[in-house]
Each structure stands twice: as C-alpha cells, then as structure tokens.
Protein backbone atom coordinates (compact mmCIF):
# COMPACT_ATOMS: atom_id res chain seq x y z
CA MET A 1 21.57 -22.71 18.18
CA LYS A 2 23.23 -20.42 15.59
CA LEU A 3 22.75 -21.45 11.62
CA TYR A 4 25.20 -20.67 9.05
CA PRO A 5 23.43 -18.49 6.40
CA LEU A 6 23.85 -20.07 2.96
CA PHE A 7 21.91 -19.34 -0.47
CA ALA A 8 21.99 -22.31 -2.81
CA ASP A 9 22.21 -22.44 -6.62
CA LEU A 10 20.03 -25.24 -7.19
CA LYS A 11 19.65 -24.83 -10.84
CA GLY A 12 19.23 -28.21 -12.87
CA LEU A 13 20.15 -30.04 -9.70
CA PRO A 14 18.03 -33.01 -8.09
CA VAL A 15 15.95 -32.71 -5.03
CA LEU A 16 13.61 -34.85 -3.23
CA VAL A 17 10.62 -33.76 -1.42
CA VAL A 18 8.67 -36.66 0.86
CA GLY A 19 5.18 -35.90 0.96
CA GLY A 20 2.27 -34.92 -1.29
CA GLY A 21 0.05 -32.49 0.52
CA ALA A 22 -0.36 -28.73 0.69
CA VAL A 23 2.78 -28.07 3.03
CA ALA A 24 4.73 -30.24 0.40
CA GLU A 25 3.30 -28.52 -2.50
CA ARG A 26 4.36 -25.03 -1.16
CA LYS A 27 8.26 -26.54 -0.78
CA ILE A 28 7.87 -27.82 -4.53
CA GLU A 29 6.91 -24.70 -5.86
CA ALA A 30 9.72 -22.80 -4.24
CA LEU A 31 12.19 -25.32 -5.67
CA LEU A 32 10.73 -25.22 -8.85
CA GLU A 33 11.20 -21.42 -8.94
CA ALA A 34 14.70 -21.92 -8.10
CA GLY A 35 15.08 -24.38 -11.34
CA ALA A 36 15.59 -27.35 -9.17
CA GLN A 37 14.67 -30.66 -10.62
CA VAL A 38 12.24 -31.96 -7.82
CA ARG A 39 11.21 -35.68 -7.09
CA VAL A 40 8.39 -35.94 -5.06
CA GLY A 41 7.94 -39.22 -2.87
CA ALA A 42 4.36 -39.80 -2.00
CA GLN A 43 1.45 -42.42 -2.05
CA GLN A 44 -0.94 -39.88 -2.97
CA LEU A 45 -0.72 -36.17 -4.38
CA SER A 46 -2.64 -33.02 -4.15
CA GLY A 47 -4.41 -31.73 -7.17
CA ASN A 48 -2.05 -29.38 -8.20
CA LEU A 49 0.79 -32.04 -8.07
CA LEU A 50 -0.86 -34.36 -9.80
CA GLU A 51 -0.98 -31.58 -12.58
CA TRP A 52 2.58 -30.91 -12.24
CA SER A 53 3.46 -34.45 -12.65
CA ALA A 54 1.22 -34.68 -15.68
CA GLN A 55 2.86 -31.67 -17.37
CA GLU A 56 6.54 -33.44 -16.26
CA ARG A 57 7.25 -30.46 -13.87
CA ILE A 58 7.95 -32.67 -11.30
CA ALA A 59 8.97 -36.56 -11.55
CA PHE A 60 6.53 -38.51 -9.16
CA ILE A 61 7.29 -41.54 -7.41
CA GLY A 62 4.35 -43.34 -6.02
CA ASP A 63 5.30 -45.68 -3.09
CA THR A 64 6.38 -45.67 0.49
CA PHE A 65 9.68 -44.16 1.06
CA GLN A 66 13.08 -46.01 0.34
CA PRO A 67 16.46 -44.90 0.83
CA ALA A 68 17.45 -45.05 -2.87
CA TRP A 69 15.15 -42.25 -3.40
CA LEU A 70 18.06 -40.00 -2.04
CA ASP A 71 20.51 -41.36 -4.43
CA GLY A 72 22.05 -38.48 -6.32
CA VAL A 73 19.95 -35.61 -4.90
CA TRP A 74 21.50 -32.44 -3.17
CA LEU A 75 18.70 -31.55 -1.08
CA ALA A 76 15.66 -33.41 0.81
CA ILE A 77 12.78 -31.95 2.29
CA ALA A 78 10.40 -34.06 4.47
CA ALA A 79 6.94 -32.87 4.14
CA THR A 80 4.66 -35.25 5.55
CA ASP A 81 2.50 -35.48 8.75
CA ASP A 82 4.04 -38.62 10.14
CA ARG A 83 7.05 -37.89 12.36
CA THR A 84 8.58 -41.28 12.13
CA LEU A 85 8.80 -41.09 8.47
CA ASN A 86 10.07 -37.77 8.37
CA ALA A 87 12.87 -38.91 10.78
CA GLN A 88 13.63 -41.81 8.66
CA VAL A 89 14.26 -39.66 5.59
CA ALA A 90 16.41 -37.12 8.10
CA ALA A 91 18.15 -40.29 9.28
CA ALA A 92 18.99 -41.35 5.56
CA ALA A 93 19.78 -38.21 4.36
CA THR A 94 22.29 -37.67 7.02
CA GLU A 95 23.96 -41.10 6.35
CA ARG A 96 24.58 -39.73 2.72
CA ARG A 97 25.88 -36.51 3.67
CA ILE A 98 22.73 -34.76 2.09
CA PHE A 99 21.26 -31.53 4.03
CA ALA A 100 17.83 -32.32 4.81
CA ASN A 101 14.96 -30.21 6.11
CA VAL A 102 11.97 -31.68 8.14
CA VAL A 103 8.83 -29.22 7.87
CA ASP A 104 8.17 -27.65 11.40
CA ASP A 105 10.61 -29.96 13.23
CA PRO A 106 13.89 -28.19 13.53
CA GLY A 107 15.33 -30.74 15.87
CA LEU A 108 15.37 -33.32 12.65
CA SER A 109 16.52 -30.71 10.28
CA ARG A 110 20.04 -30.16 8.95
CA PHE A 111 18.96 -26.71 7.07
CA GLN A 112 16.13 -24.63 7.50
CA VAL A 113 13.93 -22.99 5.10
CA PRO A 114 13.59 -19.17 5.77
CA ALA A 115 11.09 -16.86 5.44
CA VAL A 116 11.75 -14.80 2.08
CA VAL A 117 11.43 -11.18 0.88
CA ASP A 118 11.90 -11.67 -2.79
CA ARG A 119 12.92 -8.76 -4.96
CA ALA A 120 14.89 -11.11 -7.34
CA PRO A 121 17.64 -11.08 -8.07
CA LEU A 122 17.95 -9.31 -4.38
CA THR A 123 16.63 -11.97 -2.13
CA ILE A 124 16.26 -11.45 1.89
CA ALA A 125 16.41 -14.41 3.87
CA ILE A 126 14.73 -14.44 7.60
CA SER A 127 15.62 -17.57 10.10
CA THR A 128 14.80 -18.04 13.83
CA ALA A 129 16.32 -21.26 13.46
CA GLY A 130 13.37 -23.00 13.55
CA ALA A 131 12.40 -21.45 17.04
CA ALA A 132 9.55 -19.18 16.03
CA PRO A 133 8.89 -19.29 12.20
CA VAL A 134 5.72 -17.07 12.95
CA LEU A 135 8.08 -14.30 14.20
CA ALA A 136 10.27 -14.59 11.28
CA ARG A 137 6.98 -14.23 8.85
CA ARG A 138 6.18 -11.13 10.92
CA VAL A 139 9.72 -9.48 10.41
CA ARG A 140 9.15 -10.65 6.83
CA GLU A 141 5.94 -8.55 6.68
CA THR A 142 7.61 -5.44 8.10
CA LEU A 143 10.55 -5.81 5.41
CA GLU A 144 7.86 -6.02 2.81
CA SER A 145 6.35 -2.84 3.56
CA GLN A 146 9.57 -0.93 3.82
CA LEU A 147 11.50 -2.22 0.66
CA ASP A 148 10.72 -0.80 -2.72
CA HIS A 149 9.26 -3.26 -5.06
CA ALA A 150 11.76 -1.71 -7.90
CA LEU A 151 14.89 -2.82 -5.69
CA GLY A 152 14.81 -6.06 -7.84
CA ALA A 153 14.97 -4.24 -11.28
CA LEU A 154 17.87 -1.98 -9.78
CA VAL A 155 19.73 -5.00 -8.76
CA GLY A 156 19.35 -6.21 -11.85
CA LEU A 157 20.48 -3.30 -13.76
CA ALA A 158 23.40 -2.85 -11.49
CA GLN A 159 24.20 -6.55 -12.21
CA ARG A 160 24.50 -6.15 -15.93
CA TYR A 161 26.54 -3.22 -15.72
CA ARG A 162 28.85 -4.41 -12.72
CA VAL A 163 32.25 -4.56 -14.71
CA ARG A 164 31.73 -1.16 -16.22
CA ILE A 165 31.10 0.28 -12.84
CA VAL A 166 34.29 -1.14 -11.44
CA GLN A 167 36.28 -0.35 -14.34
CA ARG A 168 34.87 3.33 -14.12
CA TRP A 169 35.43 3.65 -10.34
CA PRO A 170 38.28 0.93 -9.21
CA GLU A 171 38.34 2.93 -5.75
CA LEU A 172 35.87 1.53 -3.22
CA ALA A 173 34.79 5.06 -1.76
CA ALA A 174 34.22 6.36 -5.38
CA ARG A 175 31.99 3.31 -6.07
CA ARG A 176 30.14 3.28 -3.24
CA VAL A 177 29.04 7.04 -3.75
CA PHE A 178 27.94 5.84 -7.40
CA TYR A 179 25.75 3.33 -5.69
CA ASP A 180 24.51 5.61 -3.29
CA TRP A 181 23.48 7.87 -6.11
CA LEU A 182 21.63 4.79 -7.97
CA HIS A 183 19.72 3.97 -4.70
CA ASP A 184 18.81 7.45 -3.88
CA GLY A 185 18.70 9.25 -7.23
CA PRO A 186 16.49 9.08 -10.29
CA VAL A 187 17.09 5.85 -11.67
CA LEU A 188 15.32 4.01 -8.60
CA SER A 189 12.53 6.40 -9.30
CA LEU A 190 12.24 5.89 -13.08
CA LEU A 191 12.41 1.93 -12.43
CA ARG A 192 9.54 2.43 -10.07
CA ASN A 193 7.42 4.37 -12.74
CA ALA A 194 7.86 1.27 -15.41
CA ARG A 195 10.47 3.53 -17.62
CA ALA A 196 13.26 1.18 -17.66
CA GLU A 197 14.72 2.31 -20.87
CA GLU A 198 15.43 5.74 -19.30
CA ALA A 199 16.85 4.28 -16.18
CA GLU A 200 19.53 2.35 -18.14
CA GLN A 201 20.33 5.37 -20.23
CA LEU A 202 20.61 7.49 -17.10
CA LEU A 203 22.96 5.08 -15.80
CA VAL A 204 25.12 4.93 -19.13
CA GLN A 205 25.21 8.56 -18.68
CA ALA A 206 26.56 8.44 -15.41
CA LEU A 207 29.28 6.10 -16.25
CA ALA A 208 30.39 8.45 -19.11
CA ALA A 209 30.29 11.61 -16.73
CA GLU A 210 33.71 13.11 -15.37
CA ASP A 211 32.67 13.43 -11.96
CA VAL A 212 31.03 11.34 -9.39
CA VAL A 213 27.42 11.85 -9.56
CA SER A 214 25.57 12.85 -6.36
CA ALA A 215 21.99 12.65 -5.36
CA SER A 216 19.52 15.58 -6.85
CA GLY A 217 16.61 16.82 -5.04
CA SER A 218 13.12 15.33 -5.81
CA VAL A 219 9.35 15.58 -4.56
CA LEU A 220 6.76 13.06 -3.93
CA LEU A 221 3.27 14.49 -4.04
CA VAL A 222 1.72 11.98 -1.30
CA GLY A 223 -1.62 11.15 -0.04
CA ALA A 224 -2.01 10.37 3.46
CA GLY A 225 -5.24 9.15 3.55
CA PRO A 226 -8.08 10.25 5.85
CA GLY A 227 -6.54 10.01 9.17
CA ASP A 228 -5.98 6.34 10.15
CA PRO A 229 -2.39 5.43 9.91
CA GLY A 230 -3.73 1.85 8.82
CA LEU A 231 -4.95 3.35 5.42
CA LEU A 232 -1.63 4.49 4.37
CA THR A 233 -0.42 2.95 1.31
CA LEU A 234 2.80 0.98 0.96
CA HIS A 235 4.20 3.36 -1.60
CA ALA A 236 3.30 6.36 0.84
CA LEU A 237 5.02 4.38 4.02
CA ARG A 238 7.97 4.24 1.78
CA ALA A 239 8.25 7.64 0.82
CA LEU A 240 7.88 8.96 4.46
CA ASN A 241 10.82 6.44 5.24
CA ARG A 242 12.95 8.18 2.30
CA ALA A 243 12.04 11.89 2.97
CA ASP A 244 14.59 14.38 4.06
CA VAL A 245 11.88 17.12 4.50
CA ILE A 246 7.96 16.98 4.73
CA LEU A 247 5.61 19.69 4.12
CA TYR A 248 2.46 18.76 5.60
CA ASP A 249 -1.13 19.83 5.85
CA ARG A 250 -3.34 20.27 8.74
CA LEU A 251 -5.23 17.47 7.96
CA VAL A 252 -2.29 14.95 7.99
CA SER A 253 -2.95 12.98 11.32
CA ASP A 254 -0.16 12.95 14.04
CA ALA A 255 -0.23 9.08 13.84
CA VAL A 256 0.54 9.12 10.24
CA LEU A 257 3.57 11.62 10.62
CA ALA A 258 4.69 9.27 13.29
CA LEU A 259 5.79 6.85 10.79
CA ALA A 260 7.98 9.34 8.99
CA ARG A 261 11.71 8.79 9.27
CA ARG A 262 12.92 10.31 12.78
CA ASP A 263 15.29 12.65 11.26
CA ALA A 264 13.28 14.19 8.57
CA GLU A 265 12.73 17.70 8.83
CA ARG A 266 8.62 18.57 9.38
CA VAL A 267 7.40 21.64 7.95
CA ASP A 268 3.65 22.65 8.62
CA VAL A 269 2.04 24.24 5.49
CA GLY A 270 -1.51 23.75 6.61
CA LYS A 271 -4.14 26.15 5.86
CA ARG A 272 -6.88 26.96 8.88
CA CYS A 273 -9.97 28.91 8.68
CA GLY A 274 -9.31 32.01 10.56
CA GLY A 275 -6.31 31.06 11.73
CA ARG A 276 -2.42 30.90 10.35
CA HIS A 277 -2.53 30.36 6.75
CA THR A 278 0.08 29.20 4.20
CA GLN A 279 -0.37 30.89 0.81
CA GLN A 280 -0.03 28.49 -2.18
CA ALA A 281 2.56 30.19 -3.79
CA GLN A 282 4.68 30.14 -0.45
CA ILE A 283 4.38 26.31 -0.63
CA HIS A 284 5.85 26.44 -4.25
CA GLN A 285 8.65 28.26 -3.22
CA LEU A 286 9.64 25.78 -0.32
CA LEU A 287 9.45 23.11 -2.76
CA LEU A 288 11.60 24.79 -4.85
CA GLN A 289 14.16 25.82 -1.98
CA TYR A 290 14.38 22.12 -0.55
CA VAL A 291 14.84 20.67 -4.19
CA GLN A 292 17.54 23.05 -5.04
CA ALA A 293 19.22 22.09 -1.68
CA GLY A 294 19.43 18.52 -3.18
CA ARG A 295 16.78 17.37 -0.46
CA ARG A 296 13.99 14.57 -1.12
CA VAL A 297 10.64 16.15 -0.20
CA VAL A 298 7.67 14.65 0.42
CA ARG A 299 4.45 16.85 0.12
CA LEU A 300 2.04 15.04 2.14
CA LYS A 301 -1.44 16.13 1.94
CA GLY A 302 -4.79 14.45 3.67
CA GLY A 303 -6.57 12.08 1.64
CA ASP A 304 -5.57 12.06 -2.07
CA PRO A 305 -3.52 14.99 -3.49
CA PHE A 306 -5.59 14.98 -6.52
CA VAL A 307 -9.14 15.44 -4.77
CA PHE A 308 -9.39 18.99 -3.61
CA GLY A 309 -5.90 18.96 -2.51
CA ARG A 310 -4.33 21.23 -5.15
CA GLY A 311 -1.95 18.48 -6.03
CA GLY A 312 -2.62 19.37 -9.74
CA GLU A 313 -1.41 23.03 -9.13
CA GLU A 314 1.65 21.97 -7.37
CA MET A 315 2.57 19.52 -9.99
CA ALA A 316 2.21 21.86 -12.66
CA PHE A 317 4.55 23.88 -10.79
CA LEU A 318 7.07 21.36 -10.63
CA GLN A 319 6.92 20.51 -14.07
CA GLN A 320 7.29 24.31 -15.19
CA HIS A 321 10.68 24.24 -13.09
CA GLY A 322 11.88 20.87 -14.23
CA ILE A 323 11.78 18.99 -10.93
CA ALA A 324 11.55 15.86 -10.68
CA TYR A 325 8.70 14.25 -9.19
CA GLU A 326 6.36 11.28 -8.51
CA VAL A 327 2.52 11.13 -7.29
CA VAL A 328 1.48 8.60 -4.45
CA PRO A 329 -2.17 8.56 -4.22
CA GLY A 330 -4.14 8.52 -1.16
CA ILE A 331 -7.47 7.17 0.03
CA THR A 332 -9.60 9.92 -0.43
CA ALA A 333 -11.98 10.84 2.38
CA ALA A 334 -15.29 10.24 0.38
CA MET A 335 -14.36 6.48 0.25
CA ALA A 336 -12.82 5.94 3.50
CA CYS A 337 -15.46 8.15 5.86
CA ALA A 338 -18.13 6.64 4.23
CA ALA A 339 -17.02 3.10 4.97
CA TYR A 340 -16.03 3.73 8.21
CA ALA A 341 -19.54 5.12 8.91
CA GLY A 342 -21.01 1.93 7.00
CA ILE A 343 -22.27 3.78 4.16
CA PRO A 344 -21.75 2.50 0.54
CA LEU A 345 -21.59 5.49 -1.87
CA THR A 346 -23.21 3.49 -4.44
CA HIS A 347 -25.69 0.75 -4.30
CA ARG A 348 -27.77 -1.16 -6.91
CA GLU A 349 -31.43 -0.24 -5.94
CA HIS A 350 -30.49 3.55 -4.35
CA ALA A 351 -27.39 5.21 -5.93
CA GLN A 352 -25.99 4.94 -9.36
CA SER A 353 -23.57 7.50 -9.28
CA VAL A 354 -21.48 9.69 -6.83
CA HIS A 355 -20.40 13.55 -6.92
CA LEU A 356 -17.61 14.70 -5.14
CA LEU A 357 -17.96 18.55 -4.23
CA THR A 358 -16.71 21.05 -2.49
CA GLY A 359 -18.63 23.40 -0.22
CA HIS A 360 -15.61 25.58 0.61
CA GLY A 361 -17.28 29.08 0.05
CA LYS A 362 -20.27 30.65 -1.83
CA ASP A 363 -18.10 30.98 -4.80
CA SER A 364 -17.93 27.04 -5.11
CA LEU A 365 -21.53 26.60 -4.47
CA ASP A 366 -22.51 29.03 -7.23
CA ALA A 367 -20.47 27.24 -9.84
CA MET A 368 -22.45 23.92 -9.26
CA ASP A 369 -25.10 22.55 -11.35
CA TRP A 370 -27.93 22.58 -8.71
CA PRO A 371 -31.20 20.74 -10.99
CA ALA A 372 -28.35 17.99 -11.78
CA LEU A 373 -27.39 17.79 -8.35
CA ALA A 374 -31.02 17.91 -6.83
CA GLN A 375 -31.84 14.33 -8.39
CA SER A 376 -32.68 11.37 -6.66
CA HIS A 377 -30.72 7.92 -6.63
CA GLN A 378 -27.45 9.59 -6.62
CA THR A 379 -24.86 10.26 -3.68
CA LEU A 380 -23.43 13.81 -2.89
CA VAL A 381 -20.32 13.70 -0.98
CA VAL A 382 -19.38 17.31 0.41
CA TYR A 383 -15.79 18.01 1.21
CA MET A 384 -15.25 21.33 3.47
CA GLY A 385 -18.77 22.07 3.80
CA VAL A 386 -19.31 22.83 7.34
CA ALA A 387 -19.54 26.46 7.01
CA THR A 388 -21.93 26.37 4.09
CA LEU A 389 -24.36 23.65 5.09
CA GLU A 390 -27.38 26.37 5.65
CA LEU A 391 -26.72 27.47 1.75
CA LEU A 392 -26.18 24.37 0.37
CA THR A 393 -29.31 22.79 1.78
CA GLN A 394 -31.29 25.67 0.79
CA ARG A 395 -30.03 25.42 -2.78
CA LEU A 396 -30.65 21.22 -2.88
CA LEU A 397 -34.13 21.96 -1.72
CA GLU A 398 -34.94 24.98 -3.97
CA HIS A 399 -34.09 22.75 -7.00
CA GLY A 400 -36.56 19.83 -6.03
CA ARG A 401 -34.42 17.38 -3.58
CA HIS A 402 -37.03 15.91 -1.46
CA PRO A 403 -36.78 17.02 2.14
CA ASP A 404 -36.67 13.66 3.82
CA THR A 405 -33.56 12.83 1.89
CA PRO A 406 -31.19 11.14 4.12
CA PHE A 407 -27.76 12.55 5.48
CA ALA A 408 -24.72 11.52 7.31
CA LEU A 409 -22.38 14.24 8.65
CA ILE A 410 -19.19 12.58 9.68
CA GLU A 411 -16.89 14.24 11.80
CA ASN A 412 -13.08 13.19 12.14
CA GLY A 413 -13.78 10.13 9.92
CA THR A 414 -11.32 7.09 10.53
CA LEU A 415 -10.18 8.64 14.00
CA ALA A 416 -10.75 7.39 17.20
CA GLN A 417 -12.86 10.56 17.94
CA GLN A 418 -15.23 9.71 15.05
CA ARG A 419 -18.71 11.08 15.12
CA VAL A 420 -21.57 10.30 12.62
CA VAL A 421 -24.85 12.57 12.76
CA SER A 422 -27.65 11.46 10.66
CA GLY A 423 -30.86 13.00 9.80
CA VAL A 424 -32.92 14.13 7.03
CA LEU A 425 -31.90 17.17 4.45
CA HIS A 426 -34.35 19.65 5.92
CA GLU A 427 -33.24 19.75 9.31
CA LEU A 428 -29.45 19.26 8.13
CA PRO A 429 -28.16 22.73 9.30
CA VAL A 430 -30.13 22.79 12.68
CA ARG A 431 -28.96 19.23 13.56
CA ALA A 432 -25.25 20.09 12.56
CA GLN A 433 -25.21 23.24 14.91
CA ALA A 434 -27.16 21.41 17.93
CA GLN A 435 -24.42 18.42 17.77
CA GLY A 436 -21.75 20.99 17.58
CA ILE A 437 -20.17 19.68 14.37
CA HIS A 438 -16.72 21.04 13.37
CA PRO A 439 -14.26 20.67 10.68
CA PRO A 440 -12.79 18.34 9.73
CA ALA A 441 -16.21 16.80 8.51
CA LEU A 442 -17.54 15.10 5.42
CA LEU A 443 -21.24 15.32 4.24
CA ILE A 444 -22.98 12.36 2.61
CA ILE A 445 -26.43 13.23 0.89
CA GLY A 446 -28.59 10.68 -0.76
CA GLU A 447 -30.55 7.59 0.14
CA VAL A 448 -27.34 5.38 1.27
CA ALA A 449 -26.57 7.92 3.93
CA ALA A 450 -29.61 6.08 5.94
CA MET A 451 -27.24 3.17 6.31
CA ALA A 452 -25.08 5.04 8.62
CA HIS A 453 -27.41 4.37 11.58
CA ALA A 454 -28.39 0.71 10.99
CA HIS A 455 -24.77 -0.29 10.02
CA ALA A 456 -22.57 1.70 12.30
CA TRP A 457 -19.30 -0.12 13.11
CA PHE A 458 -16.83 2.23 13.96
CA GLY A 459 -16.61 5.42 16.58
CA GLN A 460 -19.20 6.75 18.44
CA GLN A 461 -22.97 5.51 17.59
CA THR A 462 -24.64 7.74 15.06
CA THR A 463 -27.05 10.07 16.41
CA ALA A 464 -30.13 9.74 13.81
CA THR A 465 -33.80 11.20 13.98
CA SER A 466 -36.66 8.53 13.69
CA HIS A 467 -37.21 9.75 9.95
CA THR A 468 -33.70 8.52 8.80
CA SER A 469 -34.87 5.27 7.12
CA LEU A 470 -33.88 3.83 3.59
CA PRO A 471 -36.56 4.58 1.19
CA THR A 472 -37.80 1.85 -0.86
CA SER A 473 -37.63 1.90 -4.80
CA THR A 474 -41.02 3.32 -4.99
CA GLU A 475 -40.46 6.06 -2.46
CA ALA A 476 -37.43 6.87 -4.18
CA GLY A 477 -39.24 7.45 -7.66
CA ALA A 478 -42.10 9.29 -6.08
CA HIS A 479 -39.38 12.04 -4.79
CA ALA A 480 -37.34 12.17 -8.10
C-alpha cells in the first residue's frame, strides 16, 4: 500500500484521542507539541494525563466511547488495548470523513503516524505504511546520527530571510548556489557553535555582496577515540561525512576511517617510532594548502585532540592564519582503555585523583614531579610509555612508590585484539618484555589497576601475577 505523504497544521484544531494509557500519552504529547487542542476520551487516565487535565492542557471526557465525541474534530487516534473499541472509533470516524489512526493496526487506519526526525522547523517523517514500524525507527536512528542538530536553526534563519533571498537571486540556479553556501559554509558552523548573531550577520553580508558566494575552506580538529568505531561521537561521525580531505594519524583505526565519506581524500600523516615520520610543520602546511583550495578538512586524531595530540599547536596555527576551525572532542584512551579493561580510574577507597602522563622519551620523564607521583591513592595513566617502562618504574620506586603497587598494561585497547597484562610495579618492565607488549599500549599504575584481573570483560583474559590484588585501606595507608 502506497501512502500519500502529508504534513498537517493542527495548531488550534480539535483532535480526539481515545485511550488513557502510556501509548495514548505518547500520541497526546506529540499532538500538544503541534499545537492541537486535544480531547481525551477514556475511563481512566495515566498519572501524567491526570496532571495535564488538571493543568487544562487536555480536555478529559471520562466515559465510554460515543460517536458524538468526534463532532467537530479534524483527526482521531484510537490508542486502547481493545481492538473492538478501536474498530468502533475508526468506523465512526470514517463515517464522518475524519482521518483516524489506530495504533499498531494499519488495517483500521486511514493515516499513519510516522517516525520523526525533529530539526524544527525541518521535519523528516519515515513511514513503512504500518508494515514494520520498528524498521522505521531504525531508519530514524540512522538519520539522527547523520543530520546536524543545527539544521533546525539554519532552516529557521533561511525562513526569516526567504523573501530577501528570492529578491536577491531571482534565478533558481544562483539561488541554489547560495543555499549550498548556507549549508556548507560558515553559517551552519556558527549556528552549531551557539553563535547565532554572527551567523545572521554573515547571511546579511552575503545578501549585500555583489557576487554569488562560494564555500570557503575550513578545518575540524576531530578526536577519533581509542579505536572502537562505536565510541565515535555523533559530531565526529558527521564531520567525517562532510570532509573533502582527512589528515589522519597512525592510531586512527581502519574501522573509523571506513565511516568517512567514500570520495574523501585520505592523507596519512602518522608519526611512527623508527619509521616514516611526518613533521608537525609539514602537517601545518598541508592544512593551509587544502584550506586555501577551498576544501573542508578533518584533522583526525586518535583519542582526543587536546590530550597528548598536539591539537593545541594546530589550533594556534589555524588561528594565526585566520582559518575557520572547530574542535570535536574524542574519548581519550585513558577513559576508554581503562573501562574496556574493567578498571575504574577513580575509586572512593583507592584513588581520589588521576594523573595523565606521557612517557614519550627521557625528557618527558625528567620534567615530572616524581615525589608527588609516587604517592598512593592516586591513579597514573601513562601514554606512549612502552619504550621507557624501565626508567619510569625506576623513578617511581626511587621516590617511594610501593613495589607491590598494581599495574595494568593495555595493548590495542578497545580493539578486538586488546590484550591486558597486569602485575605489580617492581616487575613491570620484565613482564612487559616477557609478554611482548608493543605500542599502542596504555599503562595504568595504582591501586585500582588490580581490578583488571577480576573485572575483565572485553578481549583476551588478563594475564596477571598472584600478587595483583586490591589492597585494603589499611595496607594502602601503610604503603604511603
């Protein structure tokens, strides 16, 4: 059955809903949002409907169904669990030429209530003609993840200036170019970043310009998360689908890159120990080159751009050169890898603070406050520390960290090949070498690391020594 799609303006119009339970409540809520005057016929109402009735948001008819309830209404919805009653409502509505919907019964319905993606005033409705509403909801979920939440504000802005836009560009081809700029250019970006006044000013300037505007280049600094594509944020996913060019790091997984726009140019700018190395200055020049060519660039970094990702340097470069940019945070490895290893970074009894450290080279280690880091009841998370495990362990032991402090070394965290090696601090370098740990790997040191063995839920089982156990509060205090 093919349905005729129709968007109805119900503002101020009476609509009847028969039924007073949870299903009816959902339908009534949507009708109220559309501005309808809702009459509810039922013998009993849910708690929320009783409250709405007391607030006079709905008109309650407390009785058994009477066809006269339909007098003067524009739409009717039957939302009871009694199919016979629902059929009576539908038949009475049809007799009066009133469109009626019977919830979960397309055979009795004259219209279907679709799954909706709401970016008001932009509204997208999805229908399967009542055949498979669950599939319609799945399609809705997909669209929700793809469509920018700022689109509603953009449509509202275009709506306010529609007459001036048509006057400025009476020819459809030129007007289409303007609308492409409105969507692809800086206006939508400003709206996304809660800068509505600047967005409107930019639109007004474009209306006064002599030439048809064209999209300019821009950069998004995007965190790709630790590797599992399911941990990518919605903003990051949308950025990947808008990108013309993607400059990505070594730690960005293939599964994440596979989510990008198919025709986007992909440029590997990863830094590899002992291998090919892209200088930071070269990355800056690539950003500048692509932006000057009018391309939308995504600078895609593993984890979060601002946690040992040099995102701050790239942001400063972009600002210095007047390049429009946005920052999309990512789930950093400290949080994600710890969670996937069953380790809480903080714990009421065992860890009251977290320190994020980089073990990349002796210079990084020399700059650290080792007496402070050697204290108990805190969690140390070390990025890029595989090559300096021996020196890091030595420094902590020298400054008083207890030799039996638990550690967990997480290799390829959040990926299918994740591996966790746990033990106690004094044996860390030996165990890492014996297990053949290679980058990328994240090191967690502290009392909470003992939970890795007992609470492992993802990837290969934790390899642990018999000494790795969570210390009691008394033992932890004695180690301080």
